[in-house]
Amino acid sequence: MYKSKDNHKILFRLSALGDLILTTGIIDFWAEKYGWTFSVITKQQYAAPLENNPNITEIIILNKEDLGNIAWIVKAGEIAGKYEGCELIDLHSTLRSRILSLRWHGPVSRYKKFSLERRVFKLTGSEKLEKVLESRPVTVRYASAIEKELPDPEELIPHICLTDGEKEDALSMMAQKNLSQGFIALHPYATHPDKVWPREYWIELINQLDKKGIQWAVIGKDANELNVDKPEWNFTNKFSLRQTCALLSEAKYLVTGDSGPMHLAAGVGTPVIAMFGPTSRAWGFYPAGKNDRILESDLECRPCSLHGKSNCSNNRECLKNIRPESILKIIINSSTA
């Protein structure tokens, strides 16, 4: 299963989608630097970005029944026994991962999560804490589990390994829909409503793209599907996660809010135009690609939430201040540069 206990590591990260995608960057970094291979412990719904990665020899899937209080203590013991002597790298740092650590028969490394610092910064707006947090994106925080000298974020860009078949299927589907390479991917959805750019802005952006003769496609999953005039380019709820990745790999940009697909695009090398509202750079999730663009409003109330769950008392002005024209300008300027 693995070459040796010294160069095979067990990595623990259960959720969420964006966090799992970001682990791929540090996995590749450690694989190249140290020659390590990995078994990754996660949930079924977050495993897809890890598939086909040559540095991951095994994905250890945890189901809901594994995660109950007593059930997890038993399961943790089973995993610890199977991988006795291997190093556990805890990139979740929760009660569950600490229970696993207590049962582990080998070295344990854990990243610094900065949970307290994030909450204190949210409450106080401390400039000192803001600088500390902004200097350590989540990928760099992951690296801190092992590295004393922290790498640059650009060295830790996520990497999703698509198969040739997945790429070919995406191109075939695009040909059927008369969608050319270099289209603009649009992700108008979010897990938390305060992260959502107004729907009327998405429709206006689509209208502006149509007027400029720029092709687009809507991706993502949501119960309330965006209603567009060209339904053949609306792929909402139609693709698996890896099919979405394959489609994104053919896009010129992904336009999105603070979302999991933002990291999917980074993982297949597609630049993003990302709109941030209630969340901020200090939380550690801003994309780090050299061609990524961030749009945000300079408001005193930002950030107002760790995850976008707060019920905004300012009418979501942070996102409403970002106009479709600003996004169109980036797209057009990139075409003429």
Protein backbone atom coordinates (compact mmCIF):
# COMPACT_ATOMS: atom_id res chain seq x y z
CA MET A 1 0.00 0.00 0.00
CA TYR A 2 2.84 2.42 0.78
CA LYS A 3 6.60 2.50 0.34
CA SER A 4 7.55 2.88 3.99
CA LYS A 5 6.18 4.26 7.23
CA ASP A 6 8.61 7.18 6.97
CA ASN A 7 7.57 8.48 3.57
CA HIS A 8 3.87 7.60 3.60
CA LYS A 9 1.66 10.05 5.50
CA ILE A 10 -1.95 9.89 6.65
CA LEU A 11 -3.70 13.21 6.09
CA PHE A 12 -6.96 14.07 7.89
CA ARG A 13 -9.40 16.65 6.51
CA LEU A 14 -13.14 16.01 6.59
CA SER A 15 -14.68 19.18 5.15
CA ALA A 16 -15.56 21.40 3.41
CA LEU A 17 -15.18 21.19 -0.36
CA GLY A 18 -12.91 24.23 -0.67
CA ASP A 19 -10.70 23.03 2.18
CA LEU A 20 -10.26 19.61 0.57
CA ILE A 21 -9.36 21.15 -2.76
CA LEU A 22 -6.74 23.31 -1.07
CA THR A 23 -5.07 20.24 0.47
CA THR A 24 -4.05 19.14 -3.03
CA GLY A 25 -1.57 21.99 -3.27
CA ILE A 26 0.26 21.09 -0.08
CA ILE A 27 0.14 17.38 -0.95
CA ASP A 28 1.91 18.08 -4.24
CA PHE A 29 4.39 20.38 -2.47
CA TRP A 30 5.33 17.74 0.10
CA ALA A 31 5.42 14.99 -2.51
CA GLU A 32 7.92 16.94 -4.59
CA LYS A 33 9.99 18.14 -1.63
CA TYR A 34 10.15 14.95 0.40
CA GLY A 35 9.00 12.16 -1.94
CA TRP A 36 6.00 11.43 0.28
CA THR A 37 2.84 9.61 -0.67
CA PHE A 38 -0.48 10.01 1.12
CA SER A 39 -3.61 8.32 2.35
CA VAL A 40 -6.31 10.95 2.87
CA ILE A 41 -9.14 10.58 5.38
CA THR A 42 -12.27 12.47 4.33
CA LYS A 43 -16.00 12.22 3.66
CA GLN A 44 -17.45 10.71 0.49
CA GLN A 45 -18.91 14.00 -0.78
CA TYR A 46 -15.50 15.71 -0.70
CA ALA A 47 -13.35 12.95 -2.19
CA ALA A 48 -13.70 13.71 -5.90
CA PRO A 49 -10.99 16.43 -6.14
CA LEU A 50 -8.47 13.93 -4.74
CA GLU A 51 -9.08 11.25 -7.36
CA ASN A 52 -6.41 10.41 -9.95
CA ASN A 53 -3.73 12.26 -7.95
CA PRO A 54 -0.49 10.24 -8.31
CA ASN A 55 0.64 11.35 -4.84
CA ILE A 56 -2.49 9.93 -3.16
CA THR A 57 -2.42 6.15 -2.93
CA GLU A 58 -5.69 5.79 -1.02
CA ILE A 59 -8.76 7.81 -0.05
CA ILE A 60 -10.13 6.59 3.28
CA ILE A 61 -13.85 7.35 3.18
CA LEU A 62 -15.79 8.06 6.37
CA ASN A 63 -19.55 7.62 6.25
CA LYS A 64 -22.13 9.19 8.52
CA GLU A 65 -22.36 6.05 10.65
CA ASP A 66 -18.59 6.22 11.28
CA LEU A 67 -18.81 9.66 12.85
CA GLY A 68 -21.12 9.14 15.82
CA ASN A 69 -19.53 9.61 19.24
CA ILE A 70 -18.84 5.98 20.16
CA ALA A 71 -18.64 4.86 16.53
CA TRP A 72 -15.87 7.37 15.85
CA ILE A 73 -13.82 6.26 18.83
CA VAL A 74 -14.02 2.68 17.51
CA LYS A 75 -13.32 3.71 13.90
CA ALA A 76 -10.40 5.90 14.95
CA GLY A 77 -8.87 2.92 16.73
CA GLU A 78 -9.25 0.78 13.60
CA ILE A 79 -7.54 3.38 11.41
CA ALA A 80 -4.77 3.95 13.96
CA GLY A 81 -4.08 0.23 14.12
CA LYS A 82 -3.97 -0.18 10.35
CA TYR A 83 -1.46 2.62 9.87
CA GLU A 84 0.63 2.08 12.98
CA GLY A 85 3.96 3.88 12.72
CA CYS A 86 2.89 6.30 9.96
CA GLU A 87 2.74 10.02 10.66
CA LEU A 88 -0.71 11.55 10.98
CA ILE A 89 -0.99 15.07 9.56
CA ASP A 90 -4.05 16.75 11.03
CA LEU A 91 -5.28 19.49 8.68
CA HIS A 92 -8.66 19.79 10.36
CA SER A 93 -7.85 20.31 14.04
CA THR A 94 -11.28 19.48 15.45
CA LEU A 95 -12.49 17.25 18.26
CA ARG A 96 -12.72 14.28 15.88
CA SER A 97 -9.17 14.69 14.63
CA ARG A 98 -7.91 15.04 18.19
CA ILE A 99 -9.68 11.83 19.20
CA LEU A 100 -7.90 10.14 16.30
CA SER A 101 -4.63 11.66 17.50
CA LEU A 102 -5.15 10.22 20.99
CA ARG A 103 -5.55 6.75 19.48
CA TRP A 104 -2.69 7.14 17.01
CA HIS A 105 0.39 4.86 17.20
CA GLY A 106 2.94 7.15 15.62
CA PRO A 107 3.92 10.80 15.21
CA VAL A 108 1.20 13.44 14.85
CA SER A 109 1.59 16.86 13.23
CA ARG A 110 -1.11 19.52 13.28
CA TYR A 111 -1.55 22.84 11.51
CA LYS A 112 -2.28 26.12 13.26
CA LYS A 113 -5.89 26.93 12.48
CA PHE A 114 -5.97 30.52 13.79
CA SER A 115 -9.59 30.05 14.91
CA LEU A 116 -9.24 32.30 17.94
CA GLU A 117 -7.32 34.95 16.02
CA ARG A 118 -10.00 35.06 13.31
CA ARG A 119 -12.77 35.51 15.85
CA VAL A 120 -10.90 38.19 17.77
CA PHE A 121 -10.18 40.05 14.53
CA LYS A 122 -13.84 39.84 13.52
CA LEU A 123 -14.84 41.38 16.86
CA THR A 124 -12.09 43.99 17.18
CA GLY A 125 -10.87 44.76 13.67
CA SER A 126 -7.31 44.65 15.00
CA GLU A 127 -4.89 45.75 12.24
CA LYS A 128 -2.11 43.70 13.83
CA LEU A 129 -4.17 40.51 13.70
CA GLU A 130 -5.33 41.33 10.19
CA LYS A 131 -1.72 41.49 8.96
CA VAL A 132 -0.88 38.19 10.64
CA LEU A 133 -3.89 36.43 9.15
CA GLU A 134 -3.46 37.88 5.67
CA SER A 135 0.17 36.76 5.59
CA ARG A 136 -0.90 33.15 6.16
CA PRO A 137 -3.52 31.91 3.69
CA VAL A 138 -5.06 28.53 4.48
CA THR A 139 -2.61 26.68 2.25
CA VAL A 140 0.31 28.26 4.13
CA ARG A 141 -1.38 27.38 7.43
CA TYR A 142 -1.56 23.79 6.20
CA ALA A 143 2.16 23.89 5.44
CA SER A 144 2.86 25.00 9.02
CA ALA A 145 2.03 21.47 10.19
CA ILE A 146 5.43 20.41 8.85
CA GLU A 147 7.39 23.41 7.62
CA LYS A 148 9.38 25.76 9.84
CA GLU A 149 10.13 28.05 6.91
CA LEU A 150 6.75 28.65 5.31
CA PRO A 151 6.43 28.51 1.50
CA ASP A 152 4.79 31.20 -0.61
CA PRO A 153 1.10 30.71 -1.48
CA GLU A 154 2.05 30.53 -5.17
CA GLU A 155 3.89 27.27 -4.42
CA LEU A 156 0.72 25.71 -2.99
CA ILE A 157 -1.84 26.25 -5.76
CA PRO A 158 -4.38 23.38 -5.75
CA HIS A 159 -4.08 20.74 -8.44
CA ILE A 160 -6.93 18.54 -9.65
CA CYS A 161 -5.70 15.73 -11.88
CA LEU A 162 -8.15 15.19 -14.75
CA THR A 163 -7.99 12.10 -16.92
CA ASP A 164 -7.73 12.29 -20.71
CA GLY A 165 -11.19 10.78 -20.89
CA GLU A 166 -12.69 13.48 -18.69
CA LYS A 167 -11.13 16.20 -20.85
CA GLU A 168 -12.33 14.56 -24.06
CA ASP A 169 -15.86 14.20 -22.70
CA ALA A 170 -15.94 17.91 -21.82
CA LEU A 171 -14.82 18.90 -25.33
CA SER A 172 -17.38 16.57 -26.89
CA MET A 173 -20.20 18.03 -24.80
CA MET A 174 -19.07 21.58 -25.67
CA ALA A 175 -19.14 20.75 -29.37
CA GLN A 176 -22.72 19.49 -29.02
CA LYS A 177 -23.72 22.76 -27.33
CA ASN A 178 -21.76 24.99 -29.77
CA LEU A 179 -19.66 26.21 -26.87
CA SER A 180 -16.08 27.10 -27.79
CA GLN A 181 -12.94 26.93 -25.68
CA GLY A 182 -12.25 30.18 -23.87
CA PHE A 183 -15.85 30.79 -22.79
CA ILE A 184 -16.61 32.55 -19.49
CA ALA A 185 -17.81 30.20 -16.75
CA LEU A 186 -20.33 31.69 -14.32
CA HIS A 187 -21.08 30.36 -10.84
CA PRO A 188 -24.01 32.40 -9.45
CA TYR A 189 -24.63 30.27 -6.34
CA ALA A 190 -23.35 30.04 -2.78
CA THR A 191 -23.91 27.86 0.27
CA HIS A 192 -24.74 30.92 2.38
CA PRO A 193 -27.09 33.62 1.01
CA ASP A 194 -25.00 36.60 2.15
CA LYS A 195 -22.24 35.51 -0.25
CA VAL A 196 -24.51 35.67 -3.30
CA TRP A 197 -24.11 38.42 -5.89
CA PRO A 198 -27.59 39.74 -6.83
CA ARG A 199 -29.31 37.62 -9.45
CA GLU A 200 -30.24 40.65 -11.52
CA TYR A 201 -26.51 41.44 -11.77
CA TRP A 202 -25.81 37.95 -13.13
CA ILE A 203 -28.52 38.41 -15.78
CA GLU A 204 -27.12 41.83 -16.67
CA LEU A 205 -23.60 40.41 -16.97
CA ILE A 206 -24.90 37.65 -19.27
CA ASN A 207 -26.68 40.26 -21.41
CA GLN A 208 -23.48 42.29 -21.67
CA LEU A 209 -21.47 39.21 -22.63
CA ASP A 210 -24.03 38.38 -25.32
CA LYS A 211 -23.78 41.91 -26.74
CA LYS A 212 -20.01 41.54 -26.98
CA GLY A 213 -20.32 38.11 -28.60
CA ILE A 214 -18.60 36.42 -25.65
CA GLN A 215 -19.77 32.91 -24.88
CA TRP A 216 -20.61 31.90 -21.33
CA ALA A 217 -21.81 28.89 -19.35
CA VAL A 218 -23.47 28.60 -15.94
CA ILE A 219 -22.10 25.90 -13.62
CA GLY A 220 -22.82 24.74 -10.08
CA LYS A 221 -25.61 23.24 -8.01
CA ASP A 222 -28.58 25.03 -6.50
CA ALA A 223 -32.24 24.32 -5.85
CA ASN A 224 -33.15 27.74 -7.26
CA GLU A 225 -31.65 27.58 -10.75
CA LEU A 226 -30.72 30.81 -12.52
CA ASN A 227 -33.17 31.46 -15.36
CA VAL A 228 -31.31 32.38 -18.56
CA ASP A 229 -32.30 32.94 -22.21
CA LYS A 230 -29.91 30.25 -23.50
CA PRO A 231 -30.78 27.15 -21.44
CA GLU A 232 -28.37 25.03 -23.53
CA TRP A 233 -25.51 26.88 -21.78
CA ASN A 234 -26.99 26.49 -18.32
CA PHE A 235 -25.38 23.41 -16.74
CA THR A 236 -26.77 23.96 -13.24
CA ASN A 237 -27.30 20.62 -11.45
CA LYS A 238 -26.29 18.71 -14.60
CA PHE A 239 -22.69 17.70 -13.91
CA SER A 240 -20.71 15.78 -11.34
CA LEU A 241 -17.90 17.61 -9.60
CA ARG A 242 -15.22 16.14 -11.86
CA GLN A 243 -17.28 16.86 -14.99
CA THR A 244 -17.52 20.43 -13.78
CA CYS A 245 -13.74 20.53 -13.34
CA ALA A 246 -13.23 19.27 -16.89
CA LEU A 247 -15.55 21.96 -18.24
CA LEU A 248 -13.84 24.65 -16.15
CA SER A 249 -10.47 23.63 -17.57
CA GLU A 250 -11.66 24.89 -20.98
CA ALA A 251 -12.89 28.28 -19.70
CA LYS A 252 -11.01 31.57 -19.96
CA TYR A 253 -12.29 32.72 -16.55
CA LEU A 254 -14.63 31.62 -13.81
CA VAL A 255 -16.72 34.43 -12.36
CA THR A 256 -17.85 33.51 -8.86
CA GLY A 257 -18.25 34.55 -5.28
CA ASP A 258 -16.40 33.03 -2.33
CA SER A 259 -17.16 29.41 -3.18
CA GLY A 260 -15.89 25.88 -3.62
CA PRO A 261 -15.90 26.16 -7.44
CA MET A 262 -13.50 29.10 -7.08
CA HIS A 263 -10.93 26.57 -5.85
CA LEU A 264 -11.98 23.98 -8.45
CA ALA A 265 -11.09 26.47 -11.18
CA ALA A 266 -7.72 27.14 -9.56
CA GLY A 267 -7.15 23.39 -9.42
CA VAL A 268 -7.47 23.06 -13.21
CA GLY A 269 -5.50 26.23 -14.00
CA THR A 270 -8.41 28.51 -14.89
CA PRO A 271 -8.14 32.09 -13.55
CA VAL A 272 -11.00 33.40 -11.43
CA ILE A 273 -12.73 36.72 -11.06
CA ALA A 274 -13.87 36.38 -7.46
CA MET A 275 -16.27 38.68 -5.62
CA PHE A 276 -15.90 38.83 -1.85
CA GLY A 277 -18.50 40.37 0.43
CA PRO A 278 -19.00 39.28 4.06
CA THR A 279 -15.73 37.31 4.13
CA SER A 280 -12.23 38.72 3.73
CA ARG A 281 -8.61 37.97 2.86
CA ALA A 282 -7.85 37.46 6.54
CA TRP A 283 -9.89 34.25 6.55
CA GLY A 284 -7.29 32.76 4.21
CA PHE A 285 -9.28 31.64 1.19
CA TYR A 286 -8.46 34.23 -1.47
CA PRO A 287 -7.17 32.60 -4.67
CA ALA A 288 -3.43 32.92 -5.21
CA GLY A 289 -3.05 32.44 -8.97
CA LYS A 290 -1.07 35.12 -10.82
CA ASN A 291 -4.02 35.87 -13.14
CA ASP A 292 -6.76 35.73 -10.50
CA ARG A 293 -8.69 38.94 -9.86
CA ILE A 294 -10.43 39.91 -6.61
CA LEU A 295 -13.34 42.36 -6.50
CA GLU A 296 -14.47 43.73 -3.13
CA SER A 297 -15.88 46.84 -1.50
CA ASP A 298 -13.96 48.88 1.06
CA LEU A 299 -16.63 49.01 3.75
CA GLU A 300 -16.11 49.33 7.50
CA CYS A 301 -18.58 46.51 8.17
CA ARG A 302 -16.39 43.98 6.34
CA PRO A 303 -15.75 41.26 7.27
CA CYS A 304 -19.02 40.57 9.05
CA SER A 305 -18.92 36.79 9.00
CA LEU A 306 -16.50 33.87 9.16
CA HIS A 307 -18.43 31.83 6.60
CA GLY A 308 -21.09 34.14 5.18
CA LYS A 309 -23.80 32.96 7.58
CA SER A 310 -24.55 36.30 9.22
CA ASN A 311 -27.81 37.99 8.32
CA CYS A 312 -26.50 41.17 6.72
CA SER A 313 -27.82 44.36 8.30
CA ASN A 314 -26.44 46.56 5.51
CA ASN A 315 -28.51 45.22 2.59
CA ARG A 316 -25.49 43.34 1.20
CA GLU A 317 -23.97 46.58 -0.03
CA CYS A 318 -20.53 44.96 -0.11
CA LEU A 319 -21.61 42.82 -3.07
CA LYS A 320 -24.10 45.24 -4.61
CA ASN A 321 -21.29 47.77 -5.01
CA ILE A 322 -19.58 45.38 -7.45
CA ARG A 323 -21.16 46.12 -10.80
CA PRO A 324 -21.39 43.85 -13.87
CA GLU A 325 -19.47 46.48 -15.85
CA SER A 326 -16.43 45.95 -13.65
CA ILE A 327 -16.34 42.24 -14.46
CA LEU A 328 -16.92 42.80 -18.17
CA LYS A 329 -14.03 45.28 -18.22
CA ILE A 330 -11.65 42.67 -16.79
CA ILE A 331 -12.77 40.11 -19.36
CA ILE A 332 -12.43 42.49 -22.31
CA ASN A 333 -9.07 43.88 -21.17
CA SER A 334 -7.69 40.35 -20.78
CA SER A 335 -8.71 39.62 -24.38
CA THR A 336 -6.86 42.65 -25.73
CA ALA A 337 -3.77 42.44 -23.51
